[in-house]
């Protein structure tokens, strides 16, 4: 099994509840999401057409693709609404002090 390496992407003050923060981690575009103080990371690409989540906010754990309205659960990556039919990749997140770190398998 591959090791997970964590990378600092933001502080907890940088991402308010309901906000999405786009980060590049080792060449992988990620959307880091604050769901009521808990942080989650998903690949920043809708599985329907590759659109970025940079122009959207959260409604609870749900993120909406700004282009065609596909809906995903940021806690699991699951598709909640068409036109997407494949889940979005998720990444492990940890908070150390006030630093948000996202993990990449190495």
C-alpha atoms as a PDB file:
ATOM      1  CA  UNK A   1       0.000   0.000   0.000  1.00  0.00           C
ATOM      2  CA  UNK A   2       1.309   3.459  -0.924  1.00  0.00           C
ATOM      3  CA  UNK A   3       2.262   5.936   1.748  1.00  0.00           C
ATOM      4  CA  UNK A   4       0.273   9.147   2.086  1.00  0.00           C
ATOM      5  CA  UNK A   5       2.254  12.372   2.137  1.00  0.00           C
ATOM      6  CA  UNK A   6       0.505  15.475   3.483  1.00  0.00           C
ATOM      7  CA  UNK A   7       0.892  18.978   2.081  1.00  0.00           C
ATOM      8  CA  UNK A   8      -0.196  22.265   3.684  1.00  0.00           C
ATOM      9  CA  UNK A   9      -2.777  24.037   1.514  1.00  0.00           C
ATOM     10  CA  UNK A  10      -4.391  26.697   3.707  1.00  0.00           C
ATOM     11  CA  UNK A  11      -5.227  27.689   7.250  1.00  0.00           C
ATOM     12  CA  UNK A  12      -8.575  27.167   8.903  1.00  0.00           C
ATOM     13  CA  UNK A  13      -9.098  30.950   8.770  1.00  0.00           C
ATOM     14  CA  UNK A  14      -8.678  30.920   4.972  1.00  0.00           C
ATOM     15  CA  UNK A  15     -11.783  28.804   4.296  1.00  0.00           C
ATOM     16  CA  UNK A  16     -15.016  29.867   5.977  1.00  0.00           C
ATOM     17  CA  UNK A  17     -17.878  27.377   6.461  1.00  0.00           C
ATOM     18  CA  UNK A  18     -19.635  26.843   3.144  1.00  0.00           C
ATOM     19  CA  UNK A  19     -16.619  27.948   1.106  1.00  0.00           C
ATOM     20  CA  UNK A  20     -14.492  26.125  -1.448  1.00  0.00           C
ATOM     21  CA  UNK A  21     -10.745  26.771  -1.776  1.00  0.00           C
ATOM     22  CA  UNK A  22      -8.903  25.605  -4.885  1.00  0.00           C
ATOM     23  CA  UNK A  23      -5.365  24.311  -4.352  1.00  0.00           C
ATOM     24  CA  UNK A  24      -2.696  22.702  -6.491  1.00  0.00           C
ATOM     25  CA  UNK A  25      -1.073  19.842  -4.605  1.00  0.00           C
ATOM     26  CA  UNK A  26       1.822  18.197  -6.433  1.00  0.00           C
ATOM     27  CA  UNK A  27       0.143  18.969  -9.760  1.00  0.00           C
ATOM     28  CA  UNK A  28      -3.306  17.783  -8.677  1.00  0.00           C
ATOM     29  CA  UNK A  29      -6.045  20.434  -8.644  1.00  0.00           C
ATOM     30  CA  UNK A  30      -8.206  20.030  -5.526  1.00  0.00           C
ATOM     31  CA  UNK A  31     -11.257  21.710  -4.090  1.00  0.00           C
ATOM     32  CA  UNK A  32     -10.861  21.960  -0.310  1.00  0.00           C
ATOM     33  CA  UNK A  33     -14.280  22.378   1.302  1.00  0.00           C
ATOM     34  CA  UNK A  34     -15.365  23.585   4.744  1.00  0.00           C
ATOM     35  CA  UNK A  35     -18.539  21.799   5.845  1.00  0.00           C
ATOM     36  CA  UNK A  36     -19.516  23.323   9.199  1.00  0.00           C
ATOM     37  CA  UNK A  37     -15.900  23.384  10.404  1.00  0.00           C
ATOM     38  CA  UNK A  38     -14.908  19.993   8.987  1.00  0.00           C
ATOM     39  CA  UNK A  39     -12.615  19.977   5.965  1.00  0.00           C
ATOM     40  CA  UNK A  40     -12.792  17.704   2.922  1.00  0.00           C
ATOM     41  CA  UNK A  41     -10.863  17.590  -0.348  1.00  0.00           C
ATOM     42  CA  UNK A  42     -12.060  16.416  -3.749  1.00  0.00           C
ATOM     43  CA  UNK A  43     -10.515  16.551  -7.204  1.00  0.00           C
ATOM     44  CA  UNK A  44     -11.315  19.922  -8.747  1.00  0.00           C
ATOM     45  CA  UNK A  45     -12.953  18.457 -11.841  1.00  0.00           C
ATOM     46  CA  UNK A  46     -16.578  17.495 -12.363  1.00  0.00           C
ATOM     47  CA  UNK A  47     -16.682  13.919 -13.628  1.00  0.00           C
ATOM     48  CA  UNK A  48     -19.297  14.922 -16.208  1.00  0.00           C
ATOM     49  CA  UNK A  49     -17.206  17.427 -18.168  1.00  0.00           C
ATOM     50  CA  UNK A  50     -14.145  18.395 -16.121  1.00  0.00           C
ATOM     51  CA  UNK A  51     -15.425  21.791 -14.959  1.00  0.00           C
ATOM     52  CA  UNK A  52     -13.748  23.371 -11.941  1.00  0.00           C
ATOM     53  CA  UNK A  53     -15.652  23.902  -8.704  1.00  0.00           C
ATOM     54  CA  UNK A  54     -14.009  27.319  -8.285  1.00  0.00           C
ATOM     55  CA  UNK A  55     -17.221  29.249  -9.013  1.00  0.00           C
ATOM     56  CA  UNK A  56     -19.458  27.498  -6.511  1.00  0.00           C
ATOM     57  CA  UNK A  57     -20.137  27.301  -2.807  1.00  0.00           C
ATOM     58  CA  UNK A  58     -21.392  24.453  -0.665  1.00  0.00           C
ATOM     59  CA  UNK A  59     -24.876  23.666   0.561  1.00  0.00           C
ATOM     60  CA  UNK A  60     -24.041  21.494   3.556  1.00  0.00           C
ATOM     61  CA  UNK A  61     -21.864  18.692   2.142  1.00  0.00           C
ATOM     62  CA  UNK A  62     -23.207  19.170  -1.394  1.00  0.00           C
ATOM     63  CA  UNK A  63     -21.183  20.842  -4.119  1.00  0.00           C
ATOM     64  CA  UNK A  64     -22.694  21.803  -7.453  1.00  0.00           C
ATOM     65  CA  UNK A  65     -20.918  21.904 -10.788  1.00  0.00           C
ATOM     66  CA  UNK A  66     -21.342  25.479 -12.028  1.00  0.00           C
ATOM     67  CA  UNK A  67     -21.503  24.392 -15.663  1.00  0.00           C
ATOM     68  CA  UNK A  68     -24.285  21.760 -15.825  1.00  0.00           C
ATOM     69  CA  UNK A  69     -25.477  21.376 -12.226  1.00  0.00           C
ATOM     70  CA  UNK A  70     -24.141  17.930 -11.325  1.00  0.00           C
ATOM     71  CA  UNK A  71     -24.146  17.452  -7.552  1.00  0.00           C
ATOM     72  CA  UNK A  72     -21.558  15.629  -5.427  1.00  0.00           C
ATOM     73  CA  UNK A  73     -21.175  14.828  -1.717  1.00  0.00           C
ATOM     74  CA  UNK A  74     -17.765  16.230  -0.715  1.00  0.00           C
ATOM     75  CA  UNK A  75     -17.544  13.866   2.262  1.00  0.00           C
ATOM     76  CA  UNK A  76     -17.543  10.755   0.071  1.00  0.00           C
ATOM     77  CA  UNK A  77     -17.261  11.910  -3.551  1.00  0.00           C
ATOM     78  CA  UNK A  78     -20.604  10.275  -4.347  1.00  0.00           C
ATOM     79  CA  UNK A  79     -22.776  11.585  -7.162  1.00  0.00           C
ATOM     80  CA  UNK A  80     -26.026  13.032  -5.831  1.00  0.00           C
ATOM     81  CA  UNK A  81     -27.395  14.516  -9.047  1.00  0.00           C
ATOM     82  CA  UNK A  82     -27.082  14.182 -12.819  1.00  0.00           C
ATOM     83  CA  UNK A  83     -25.682  14.673 -15.357  1.00  0.00           C
ATOM     84  CA  UNK A  84     -22.564  13.163 -13.703  1.00  0.00           C
ATOM     85  CA  UNK A  85     -22.658   9.417 -13.153  1.00  0.00           C
ATOM     86  CA  UNK A  86     -19.167   8.775 -11.725  1.00  0.00           C
ATOM     87  CA  UNK A  87     -17.982   9.841  -8.269  1.00  0.00           C
ATOM     88  CA  UNK A  88     -15.321  12.497  -7.849  1.00  0.00           C
ATOM     89  CA  UNK A  89     -11.981  11.482  -6.275  1.00  0.00           C
ATOM     90  CA  UNK A  90     -11.518  12.349  -2.611  1.00  0.00           C
ATOM     91  CA  UNK A  91      -8.325  12.965  -0.661  1.00  0.00           C
ATOM     92  CA  UNK A  92      -7.546  12.605   3.053  1.00  0.00           C
ATOM     93  CA  UNK A  93      -7.463  15.844   5.042  1.00  0.00           C
ATOM     94  CA  UNK A  94      -6.042  16.580   8.448  1.00  0.00           C
ATOM     95  CA  UNK A  95      -5.765  19.764  10.462  1.00  0.00           C
ATOM     96  CA  UNK A  96      -2.551  20.337  12.376  1.00  0.00           C
ATOM     97  CA  UNK A  97      -2.897  23.363  14.636  1.00  0.00           C
ATOM     98  CA  UNK A  98      -4.669  25.740  12.247  1.00  0.00           C
ATOM     99  CA  UNK A  99      -3.030  24.351   9.081  1.00  0.00           C
ATOM    100  CA  UNK A 100      -5.135  22.308   6.663  1.00  0.00           C
ATOM    101  CA  UNK A 101      -3.150  19.491   5.064  1.00  0.00           C
ATOM    102  CA  UNK A 102      -4.246  17.306   2.172  1.00  0.00           C
ATOM    103  CA  UNK A 103      -2.820  13.863   1.524  1.00  0.00           C
ATOM    104  CA  UNK A 104      -1.541  12.402  -1.726  1.00  0.00           C
ATOM    105  CA  UNK A 105      -0.594   8.756  -2.107  1.00  0.00           C
ATOM    106  CA  UNK A 106       3.074   8.438  -3.046  1.00  0.00           C
END
